[in-house]
């Protein structure tokens, strides 16, 4: 239920402690980083979708609950929109909060 993020810049993550993002009670089934941004989306089997900015905030920037378990997370090519799909066929589109 937690996401671990290592900083791979510079000399890489060897010997460093990861950032741990905790929110989900169910297993995380989907993760999606922006292509050029710093936002990470996570989705779990209970349909909880969270938007994170690892390294800047420990708490999620936004949370949404889908009717079914999260099955897809995809950022638009310009990183402005995040589409979330669930196991029941629902789709929700979120706009980047411009952190």
PDB file of N, CA and C in Angstrom:
ATOM      1  N   UNK A   1       0.780  -1.211   0.000  1.00  0.00           N
ATOM      2  CA  UNK A   1       0.000   0.000   0.000  1.00  0.00           C
ATOM      3  C   UNK A   1       0.816   1.268   0.000  1.00  0.00           C
ATOM      4  N   UNK A   2       2.130   1.186  -0.012  1.00  0.00           N
ATOM      5  CA  UNK A   2       2.971   2.387  -0.019  1.00  0.00           C
ATOM      6  C   UNK A   2       3.776   2.444  -1.307  1.00  0.00           C
ATOM      7  N   UNK A   3       4.108   3.669  -1.719  1.00  0.00           N
ATOM      8  CA  UNK A   3       4.940   3.885  -2.896  1.00  0.00           C
ATOM      9  C   UNK A   3       6.309   4.336  -2.412  1.00  0.00           C
ATOM     10  N   UNK A   4       7.366   3.680  -2.871  1.00  0.00           N
ATOM     11  CA  UNK A   4       8.738   4.079  -2.539  1.00  0.00           C
ATOM     12  C   UNK A   4       9.362   4.718  -3.775  1.00  0.00           C
ATOM     13  N   UNK A   5       9.931   5.920  -3.598  1.00  0.00           N
ATOM     14  CA  UNK A   5      10.522   6.662  -4.705  1.00  0.00           C
ATOM     15  C   UNK A   5      11.968   6.974  -4.373  1.00  0.00           C
ATOM     16  N   UNK A   6      12.877   6.549  -5.248  1.00  0.00           N
ATOM     17  CA  UNK A   6      14.300   6.845  -5.089  1.00  0.00           C
ATOM     18  C   UNK A   6      14.703   7.945  -6.057  1.00  0.00           C
ATOM     19  N   UNK A   7      15.580   8.834  -5.601  1.00  0.00           N
ATOM     20  CA  UNK A   7      16.138   9.869  -6.467  1.00  0.00           C
ATOM     21  C   UNK A   7      17.279   9.246  -7.259  1.00  0.00           C
ATOM     22  N   UNK A   8      17.115   9.159  -8.569  1.00  0.00           N
ATOM     23  CA  UNK A   8      18.119   8.531  -9.426  1.00  0.00           C
ATOM     24  C   UNK A   8      18.996   9.554 -10.137  1.00  0.00           C
ATOM     25  N   UNK A   9      18.912  10.815  -9.749  1.00  0.00           N
ATOM     26  CA  UNK A   9      19.769  11.833 -10.361  1.00  0.00           C
ATOM     27  C   UNK A   9      21.164  11.777  -9.746  1.00  0.00           C
ATOM     28  N   UNK A  10      22.090  12.468 -10.344  1.00  0.00           N
ATOM     29  CA  UNK A  10      23.457  12.510  -9.812  1.00  0.00           C
ATOM     30  C   UNK A  10      24.102  11.141  -9.817  1.00  0.00           C
ATOM     31  N   UNK A  11      24.581  10.705  -8.657  1.00  0.00           N
ATOM     32  CA  UNK A  11      25.250   9.407  -8.528  1.00  0.00           C
ATOM     33  C   UNK A  11      24.281   8.240  -8.391  1.00  0.00           C
ATOM     34  N   UNK A  12      22.977   8.533  -8.415  1.00  0.00           N
ATOM     35  CA  UNK A  12      21.995   7.462  -8.325  1.00  0.00           C
ATOM     36  C   UNK A  12      21.561   7.191  -6.908  1.00  0.00           C
ATOM     37  N   UNK A  13      20.709   6.192  -6.730  1.00  0.00           N
ATOM     38  CA  UNK A  13      20.082   5.967  -5.432  1.00  0.00           C
ATOM     39  C   UNK A  13      20.886   5.123  -4.440  1.00  0.00           C
ATOM     40  N   UNK A  14      22.027   4.583  -4.857  1.00  0.00           N
ATOM     41  CA  UNK A  14      22.783   3.693  -3.964  1.00  0.00           C
ATOM     42  C   UNK A  14      23.082   4.391  -2.636  1.00  0.00           C
ATOM     43  N   UNK A  15      22.719   3.731  -1.547  1.00  0.00           N
ATOM     44  CA  UNK A  15      23.008   4.237  -0.212  1.00  0.00           C
ATOM     45  C   UNK A  15      22.071   5.326   0.274  1.00  0.00           C
ATOM     46  N   UNK A  16      21.016   5.637  -0.490  1.00  0.00           N
ATOM     47  CA  UNK A  16      20.077   6.667  -0.066  1.00  0.00           C
ATOM     48  C   UNK A  16      18.791   6.035   0.460  1.00  0.00           C
ATOM     49  N   UNK A  17      18.032   6.819   1.173  1.00  0.00           N
ATOM     50  CA  UNK A  17      16.751   6.373   1.699  1.00  0.00           C
ATOM     51  C   UNK A  17      15.644   6.844   0.769  1.00  0.00           C
ATOM     52  N   UNK A  18      14.734   5.956   0.389  1.00  0.00           N
ATOM     53  CA  UNK A  18      13.662   6.381  -0.514  1.00  0.00           C
ATOM     54  C   UNK A  18      12.629   7.248   0.203  1.00  0.00           C
ATOM     55  N   UNK A  19      11.909   8.025  -0.580  1.00  0.00           N
ATOM     56  CA  UNK A  19      10.736   8.733  -0.079  1.00  0.00           C
ATOM     57  C   UNK A  19       9.603   7.713  -0.078  1.00  0.00           C
ATOM     58  N   UNK A  20       8.878   7.592   1.018  1.00  0.00           N
ATOM     59  CA  UNK A  20       7.783   6.629   1.115  1.00  0.00           C
ATOM     60  C   UNK A  20       6.470   7.399   1.212  1.00  0.00           C
ATOM     61  N   UNK A  21       5.582   7.131   0.270  1.00  0.00           N
ATOM     62  CA  UNK A  21       4.283   7.786   0.206  1.00  0.00           C
ATOM     63  C   UNK A  21       3.223   6.793   0.645  1.00  0.00           C
ATOM     64  N   UNK A  22       2.531   7.100   1.727  1.00  0.00           N
ATOM     65  CA  UNK A  22       1.556   6.166   2.299  1.00  0.00           C
ATOM     66  C   UNK A  22       0.148   6.754   2.247  1.00  0.00           C
ATOM     67  N   UNK A  23      -0.777   5.975   1.718  1.00  0.00           N
ATOM     68  CA  UNK A  23      -2.183   6.356   1.691  1.00  0.00           C
ATOM     69  C   UNK A  23      -3.071   5.140   1.450  1.00  0.00           C
ATOM     70  N   UNK A  24      -2.694   4.325   0.488  1.00  0.00           N
ATOM     71  CA  UNK A  24      -3.532   3.221   0.038  1.00  0.00           C
ATOM     72  C   UNK A  24      -3.580   2.088   1.072  1.00  0.00           C
ATOM     73  N   UNK A  25      -4.783   1.555   1.294  1.00  0.00           N
ATOM     74  CA  UNK A  25      -4.938   0.377   2.148  1.00  0.00           C
ATOM     75  C   UNK A  25      -4.879  -0.906   1.320  1.00  0.00           C
ATOM     76  N   UNK A  26      -5.294  -0.822   0.070  1.00  0.00           N
ATOM     77  CA  UNK A  26      -5.270  -1.979  -0.833  1.00  0.00           C
ATOM     78  C   UNK A  26      -3.973  -1.951  -1.647  1.00  0.00           C
ATOM     79  N   UNK A  27      -3.607  -3.078  -2.241  1.00  0.00           N
ATOM     80  CA  UNK A  27      -2.401  -3.100  -3.080  1.00  0.00           C
ATOM     81  C   UNK A  27      -2.474  -2.077  -4.220  1.00  0.00           C
ATOM     82  N   UNK A  28      -1.357  -1.416  -4.475  1.00  0.00           N
ATOM     83  CA  UNK A  28      -1.262  -0.454  -5.568  1.00  0.00           C
ATOM     84  C   UNK A  28      -1.151  -1.235  -6.867  1.00  0.00           C
ATOM     85  N   UNK A  29      -2.003  -0.911  -7.825  1.00  0.00           N
ATOM     86  CA  UNK A  29      -2.036  -1.632  -9.088  1.00  0.00           C
ATOM     87  C   UNK A  29      -1.572  -0.790 -10.267  1.00  0.00           C
ATOM     88  N   UNK A  30      -1.542   0.531 -10.121  1.00  0.00           N
ATOM     89  CA  UNK A  30      -1.147   1.412 -11.211  1.00  0.00           C
ATOM     90  C   UNK A  30      -0.307   2.571 -10.684  1.00  0.00           C
ATOM     91  N   UNK A  31       0.732   2.917 -11.432  1.00  0.00           N
ATOM     92  CA  UNK A  31       1.555   4.100 -11.172  1.00  0.00           C
ATOM     93  C   UNK A  31       1.808   4.790 -12.504  1.00  0.00           C
ATOM     94  N   UNK A  32       1.824   6.125 -12.491  1.00  0.00           N
ATOM     95  CA  UNK A  32       2.105   6.861 -13.725  1.00  0.00           C
ATOM     96  C   UNK A  32       2.757   8.199 -13.374  1.00  0.00           C
ATOM     97  N   UNK A  33       4.014   8.369 -13.806  1.00  0.00           N
ATOM     98  CA  UNK A  33       4.718   9.642 -13.669  1.00  0.00           C
ATOM     99  C   UNK A  33       4.440  10.493 -14.896  1.00  0.00           C
ATOM    100  N   UNK A  34       4.393  11.812 -14.694  1.00  0.00           N
ATOM    101  CA  UNK A  34       4.328  12.712 -15.842  1.00  0.00           C
ATOM    102  C   UNK A  34       5.582  12.520 -16.682  1.00  0.00           C
ATOM    103  N   UNK A  35       5.471  12.784 -17.963  1.00  0.00           N
ATOM    104  CA  UNK A  35       6.626  12.649 -18.857  1.00  0.00           C
ATOM    105  C   UNK A  35       7.707  13.676 -18.531  1.00  0.00           C
ATOM    106  N   UNK A  36       7.306  14.939 -18.347  1.00  0.00           N
ATOM    107  CA  UNK A  36       8.282  16.008 -18.105  1.00  0.00           C
ATOM    108  C   UNK A  36       8.078  16.699 -16.769  1.00  0.00           C
ATOM    109  N   UNK A  37       7.008  16.390 -16.081  1.00  0.00           N
ATOM    110  CA  UNK A  37       6.711  17.036 -14.809  1.00  0.00           C
ATOM    111  C   UNK A  37       7.229  16.234 -13.630  1.00  0.00           C
ATOM    112  N   UNK A  38       6.773  16.606 -12.463  1.00  0.00           N
ATOM    113  CA  UNK A  38       7.221  15.958 -11.241  1.00  0.00           C
ATOM    114  C   UNK A  38       6.079  15.285 -10.482  1.00  0.00           C
ATOM    115  N   UNK A  39       4.933  15.109 -11.144  1.00  0.00           N
ATOM    116  CA  UNK A  39       3.787  14.524 -10.475  1.00  0.00           C
ATOM    117  C   UNK A  39       3.695  13.025 -10.741  1.00  0.00           C
ATOM    118  N   UNK A  40       3.285  12.302  -9.711  1.00  0.00           N
ATOM    119  CA  UNK A  40       3.116  10.855  -9.765  1.00  0.00           C
ATOM    120  C   UNK A  40       1.685  10.539  -9.370  1.00  0.00           C
ATOM    121  N   UNK A  41       1.030   9.708 -10.147  1.00  0.00           N
ATOM    122  CA  UNK A  41      -0.312   9.236  -9.814  1.00  0.00           C
ATOM    123  C   UNK A  41      -0.218   7.774  -9.401  1.00  0.00           C
ATOM    124  N   UNK A  42      -0.995   7.405  -8.381  1.00  0.00           N
ATOM    125  CA  UNK A  42      -1.050   6.008  -7.939  1.00  0.00           C
ATOM    126  C   UNK A  42      -2.514   5.606  -7.825  1.00  0.00           C
ATOM    127  N   UNK A  43      -2.784   4.349  -8.112  1.00  0.00           N
ATOM    128  CA  UNK A  43      -4.147   3.831  -8.016  1.00  0.00           C
ATOM    129  C   UNK A  43      -4.140   2.434  -7.435  1.00  0.00           C
ATOM    130  N   UNK A  44      -5.138   2.133  -6.611  1.00  0.00           N
ATOM    131  CA  UNK A  44      -5.164   0.827  -5.944  1.00  0.00           C
ATOM    132  C   UNK A  44      -6.401   0.030  -6.321  1.00  0.00           C
ATOM    133  N   UNK A  45      -6.456  -1.197  -5.841  1.00  0.00           N
ATOM    134  CA  UNK A  45      -7.540  -2.126  -6.131  1.00  0.00           C
ATOM    135  C   UNK A  45      -8.881  -1.717  -5.559  1.00  0.00           C
ATOM    136  N   UNK A  46      -8.906  -0.767  -4.635  1.00  0.00           N
ATOM    137  CA  UNK A  46     -10.162  -0.275  -4.076  1.00  0.00           C
ATOM    138  C   UNK A  46     -10.663   0.966  -4.817  1.00  0.00           C
ATOM    139  N   UNK A  47      -9.946   1.396  -5.880  1.00  0.00           N
ATOM    140  CA  UNK A  47     -10.377   2.530  -6.676  1.00  0.00           C
ATOM    141  C   UNK A  47      -9.864   3.875  -6.215  1.00  0.00           C
ATOM    142  N   UNK A  48      -9.026   3.910  -5.199  1.00  0.00           N
ATOM    143  CA  UNK A  48      -8.466   5.171  -4.716  1.00  0.00           C
ATOM    144  C   UNK A  48      -7.344   5.612  -5.644  1.00  0.00           C
ATOM    145  N   UNK A  49      -7.440   6.833  -6.161  1.00  0.00           N
ATOM    146  CA  UNK A  49      -6.419   7.431  -7.024  1.00  0.00           C
ATOM    147  C   UNK A  49      -5.838   8.618  -6.280  1.00  0.00           C
ATOM    148  N   UNK A  50      -4.508   8.693  -6.208  1.00  0.00           N
ATOM    149  CA  UNK A  50      -3.843   9.789  -5.509  1.00  0.00           C
ATOM    150  C   UNK A  50      -2.836  10.448  -6.433  1.00  0.00           C
ATOM    151  N   UNK A  51      -2.694  11.748  -6.280  1.00  0.00           N
ATOM    152  CA  UNK A  51      -1.731  12.529  -7.046  1.00  0.00           C
ATOM    153  C   UNK A  51      -0.688  13.070  -6.073  1.00  0.00           C
ATOM    154  N   UNK A  52       0.579  12.782  -6.350  1.00  0.00           N
ATOM    155  CA  UNK A  52       1.684  13.109  -5.454  1.00  0.00           C
ATOM    156  C   UNK A  52       2.706  14.006  -6.143  1.00  0.00           C
ATOM    157  N   UNK A  53       3.456  14.743  -5.341  1.00  0.00           N
ATOM    158  CA  UNK A  53       4.650  15.434  -5.814  1.00  0.00           C
ATOM    159  C   UNK A  53       5.785  15.008  -4.880  1.00  0.00           C
ATOM    160  N   UNK A  54       6.377  13.824  -5.155  1.00  0.00           N
ATOM    161  CA  UNK A  54       7.412  13.287  -4.265  1.00  0.00           C
ATOM    162  C   UNK A  54       8.562  14.277  -4.078  1.00  0.00           C
ATOM    163  N   UNK A  55       9.052  14.355  -2.857  1.00  0.00           N
ATOM    164  CA  UNK A  55      10.170  15.232  -2.552  1.00  0.00           C
ATOM    165  C   UNK A  55       9.738  16.607  -2.103  1.00  0.00           C
ATOM    166  N   UNK A  56       8.547  17.020  -2.501  1.00  0.00           N
ATOM    167  CA  UNK A  56       8.057  18.335  -2.103  1.00  0.00           C
ATOM    168  C   UNK A  56       6.944  18.220  -1.061  1.00  0.00           C
ATOM    169  N   UNK A  57       6.082  17.213  -1.223  1.00  0.00           N
ATOM    170  CA  UNK A  57       4.965  17.008  -0.303  1.00  0.00           C
ATOM    171  C   UNK A  57       4.901  15.542   0.096  1.00  0.00           C
ATOM    172  N   UNK A  58       4.675  15.280   1.372  1.00  0.00           N
ATOM    173  CA  UNK A  58       4.491  13.898   1.829  1.00  0.00           C
ATOM    174  C   UNK A  58       3.039  13.463   1.675  1.00  0.00           C
ATOM    175  N   UNK A  59       2.116  14.417   1.733  1.00  0.00           N
ATOM    176  CA  UNK A  59       0.697  14.104   1.586  1.00  0.00           C
ATOM    177  C   UNK A  59       0.314  14.243   0.109  1.00  0.00           C
ATOM    178  N   UNK A  60      -0.724  13.527  -0.317  1.00  0.00           N
ATOM    179  CA  UNK A  60      -1.165  13.657  -1.707  1.00  0.00           C
ATOM    180  C   UNK A  60      -1.705  15.058  -1.983  1.00  0.00           C
ATOM    181  N   UNK A  61      -1.525  15.519  -3.217  1.00  0.00           N
ATOM    182  CA  UNK A  61      -2.068  16.811  -3.641  1.00  0.00           C
ATOM    183  C   UNK A  61      -3.563  16.709  -3.915  1.00  0.00           C
ATOM    184  N   UNK A  62      -3.988  15.537  -4.349  1.00  0.00           N
ATOM    185  CA  UNK A  62      -5.400  15.309  -4.665  1.00  0.00           C
ATOM    186  C   UNK A  62      -5.710  13.825  -4.505  1.00  0.00           C
ATOM    187  N   UNK A  63      -6.963  13.536  -4.170  1.00  0.00           N
ATOM    188  CA  UNK A  63      -7.429  12.155  -3.997  1.00  0.00           C
ATOM    189  C   UNK A  63      -8.790  12.031  -4.666  1.00  0.00           C
ATOM    190  N   UNK A  64      -9.013  10.920  -5.348  1.00  0.00           N
ATOM    191  CA  UNK A  64     -10.320  10.626  -5.937  1.00  0.00           C
ATOM    192  C   UNK A  64     -10.620   9.150  -5.710  1.00  0.00           C
ATOM    193  N   UNK A  65     -11.890   8.813  -5.693  1.00  0.00           N
ATOM    194  CA  UNK A  65     -12.298   7.418  -5.520  1.00  0.00           C
ATOM    195  C   UNK A  65     -13.122   7.001  -6.729  1.00  0.00           C
ATOM    196  N   UNK A  66     -12.645   5.974  -7.414  1.00  0.00           N
ATOM    197  CA  UNK A  66     -13.346   5.408  -8.567  1.00  0.00           C
ATOM    198  C   UNK A  66     -14.298   4.311  -8.067  1.00  0.00           C
ATOM    199  N   UNK A  67     -15.378   4.010  -8.806  1.00  0.00           N
ATOM    200  CA  UNK A  67     -16.317   2.967  -8.368  1.00  0.00           C
ATOM    201  C   UNK A  67     -15.701   1.565  -8.283  1.00  0.00           C
ATOM    202  N   UNK A  68     -14.768   1.249  -9.183  1.00  0.00           N
ATOM    203  CA  UNK A  68     -14.115  -0.066  -9.180  1.00  0.00           C
ATOM    204  C   UNK A  68     -12.621   0.092  -8.962  1.00  0.00           C
ATOM    205  N   UNK A  69     -11.906  -1.002  -8.940  1.00  0.00           N
ATOM    206  CA  UNK A  69     -10.453  -0.972  -8.757  1.00  0.00           C
ATOM    207  C   UNK A  69      -9.757  -0.261  -9.912  1.00  0.00           C
ATOM    208  N   UNK A  70      -8.737   0.496  -9.617  1.00  0.00           N
ATOM    209  CA  UNK A  70      -8.008   1.242 -10.647  1.00  0.00           C
ATOM    210  C   UNK A  70      -7.347   0.268 -11.614  1.00  0.00           C
ATOM    211  N   UNK A  71      -7.638   0.437 -12.919  1.00  0.00           N
ATOM    212  CA  UNK A  71      -7.062  -0.459 -13.922  1.00  0.00           C
ATOM    213  C   UNK A  71      -6.121   0.262 -14.889  1.00  0.00           C
ATOM    214  N   UNK A  72      -6.233   1.578 -14.993  1.00  0.00           N
ATOM    215  CA  UNK A  72      -5.379   2.348 -15.912  1.00  0.00           C
ATOM    216  C   UNK A  72      -5.151   3.743 -15.355  1.00  0.00           C
ATOM    217  N   UNK A  73      -3.945   4.256 -15.537  1.00  0.00           N
ATOM    218  CA  UNK A  73      -3.605   5.654 -15.277  1.00  0.00           C
ATOM    219  C   UNK A  73      -2.742   6.121 -16.438  1.00  0.00           C
ATOM    220  N   UNK A  74      -3.135   7.206 -17.102  1.00  0.00           N
ATOM    221  CA  UNK A  74      -2.366   7.717 -18.240  1.00  0.00           C
ATOM    222  C   UNK A  74      -2.391   9.233 -18.238  1.00  0.00           C
ATOM    223  N   UNK A  75      -1.212   9.838 -18.403  1.00  0.00           N
ATOM    224  CA  UNK A  75      -1.094  11.286 -18.564  1.00  0.00           C
ATOM    225  C   UNK A  75      -1.253  11.632 -20.039  1.00  0.00           C
ATOM    226  N   UNK A  76      -1.837  12.797 -20.310  1.00  0.00           N
ATOM    227  CA  UNK A  76      -1.920  13.288 -21.688  1.00  0.00           C
ATOM    228  C   UNK A  76      -0.512  13.657 -22.150  1.00  0.00           C
ATOM    229  N   UNK A  77      -0.284  13.741 -23.466  1.00  0.00           N
ATOM    230  CA  UNK A  77       1.060  14.055 -23.967  1.00  0.00           C
ATOM    231  C   UNK A  77       1.641  15.369 -23.427  1.00  0.00           C
ATOM    232  N   UNK A  78       0.776  16.338 -23.083  1.00  0.00           N
ATOM    233  CA  UNK A  78       1.280  17.602 -22.540  1.00  0.00           C
ATOM    234  C   UNK A  78       1.338  17.602 -21.005  1.00  0.00           C
ATOM    235  N   UNK A  79       1.073  16.469 -20.377  1.00  0.00           N
ATOM    236  CA  UNK A  79       1.108  16.305 -18.915  1.00  0.00           C
ATOM    237  C   UNK A  79       0.064  17.142 -18.184  1.00  0.00           C
ATOM    238  N   UNK A  80      -0.943  17.659 -18.882  1.00  0.00           N
ATOM    239  CA  UNK A  80      -1.935  18.506 -18.234  1.00  0.00           C
ATOM    240  C   UNK A  80      -3.118  17.714 -17.688  1.00  0.00           C
ATOM    241  N   UNK A  81      -3.432  16.578 -18.290  1.00  0.00           N
ATOM    242  CA  UNK A  81      -4.585  15.777 -17.884  1.00  0.00           C
ATOM    243  C   UNK A  81      -4.153  14.372 -17.490  1.00  0.00           C
ATOM    244  N   UNK A  82      -4.829  13.826 -16.498  1.00  0.00           N
ATOM    245  CA  UNK A  82      -4.613  12.442 -16.082  1.00  0.00           C
ATOM    246  C   UNK A  82      -5.927  11.703 -16.244  1.00  0.00           C
ATOM    247  N   UNK A  83      -5.924  10.629 -17.017  1.00  0.00           N
ATOM    248  CA  UNK A  83      -7.108   9.786 -17.172  1.00  0.00           C
ATOM    249  C   UNK A  83      -6.944   8.567 -16.281  1.00  0.00           C
ATOM    250  N   UNK A  84      -7.994   8.257 -15.535  1.00  0.00           N
ATOM    251  CA  UNK A  84      -8.009   7.078 -14.668  1.00  0.00           C
ATOM    252  C   UNK A  84      -9.178   6.205 -15.090  1.00  0.00           C
ATOM    253  N   UNK A  85      -8.913   4.924 -15.261  1.00  0.00           N
ATOM    254  CA  UNK A  85      -9.954   3.973 -15.594  1.00  0.00           C
ATOM    255  C   UNK A  85     -10.070   2.936 -14.496  1.00  0.00           C
ATOM    256  N   UNK A  86     -11.255   2.354 -14.346  1.00  0.00           N
ATOM    257  CA  UNK A  86     -11.418   1.326 -13.321  1.00  0.00           C
ATOM    258  C   UNK A  86     -11.963   0.035 -13.912  1.00  0.00           C
ATOM    259  N   UNK A  87     -12.028  -0.979 -13.082  1.00  0.00           N
ATOM    260  CA  UNK A  87     -12.416  -2.324 -13.524  1.00  0.00           C
ATOM    261  C   UNK A  87     -13.875  -2.427 -13.942  1.00  0.00           C
ATOM    262  N   UNK A  88     -14.684  -1.418 -13.627  1.00  0.00           N
ATOM    263  CA  UNK A  88     -16.096  -1.419 -14.010  1.00  0.00           C
ATOM    264  C   UNK A  88     -16.348  -0.647 -15.296  1.00  0.00           C
ATOM    265  N   UNK A  89     -15.279  -0.105 -15.899  1.00  0.00           N
ATOM    266  CA  UNK A  89     -15.407   0.633 -17.145  1.00  0.00           C
ATOM    267  C   UNK A  89     -15.559   2.135 -16.977  1.00  0.00           C
ATOM    268  N   UNK A  90     -15.520   2.636 -15.758  1.00  0.00           N
ATOM    269  CA  UNK A  90     -15.605   4.088 -15.537  1.00  0.00           C
ATOM    270  C   UNK A  90     -14.301   4.746 -15.898  1.00  0.00           C
ATOM    271  N   UNK A  91     -14.388   5.975 -16.400  1.00  0.00           N
ATOM    272  CA  UNK A  91     -13.209   6.779 -16.715  1.00  0.00           C
ATOM    273  C   UNK A  91     -13.404   8.151 -16.089  1.00  0.00           C
ATOM    274  N   UNK A  92     -12.366   8.662 -15.474  1.00  0.00           N
ATOM    275  CA  UNK A  92     -12.395   9.989 -14.889  1.00  0.00           C
ATOM    276  C   UNK A  92     -11.144  10.729 -15.369  1.00  0.00           C
ATOM    277  N   UNK A  93     -11.297  11.997 -15.720  1.00  0.00           N
ATOM    278  CA  UNK A  93     -10.159  12.786 -16.183  1.00  0.00           C
ATOM    279  C   UNK A  93      -9.925  13.923 -15.204  1.00  0.00           C
ATOM    280  N   UNK A  94      -8.681  14.040 -14.768  1.00  0.00           N
ATOM    281  CA  UNK A  94      -8.298  15.063 -13.801  1.00  0.00           C
ATOM    282  C   UNK A  94      -7.366  16.065 -14.480  1.00  0.00           C
ATOM    283  N   UNK A  95      -7.514  17.340 -14.133  1.00  0.00           N
ATOM    284  CA  UNK A  95      -6.611  18.352 -14.659  1.00  0.00           C
ATOM    285  C   UNK A  95      -5.481  18.582 -13.668  1.00  0.00           C
ATOM    286  N   UNK A  96      -4.278  18.753 -14.194  1.00  0.00           N
ATOM    287  CA  UNK A  96      -3.093  19.006 -13.394  1.00  0.00           C
ATOM    288  C   UNK A  96      -3.342  20.209 -12.484  1.00  0.00           C
ATOM    289  N   UNK A  97      -3.092  20.076 -11.168  1.00  0.00           N
ATOM    290  CA  UNK A  97      -3.350  21.186 -10.249  1.00  0.00           C
ATOM    291  C   UNK A  97      -2.337  22.320 -10.338  1.00  0.00           C
ATOM    292  N   UNK A  98      -1.338  22.216 -11.214  1.00  0.00           N
ATOM    293  CA  UNK A  98      -0.325  23.274 -11.415  1.00  0.00           C
ATOM    294  C   UNK A  98       0.340  23.663 -10.102  1.00  0.00           C
ATOM    295  N   UNK A  99       1.103  22.719  -9.554  1.00  0.00           N
ATOM    296  CA  UNK A  99       1.762  22.945  -8.274  1.00  0.00           C
ATOM    297  C   UNK A  99       2.841  23.978  -8.370  1.00  0.00           C
TER     298      UNK A  99
END
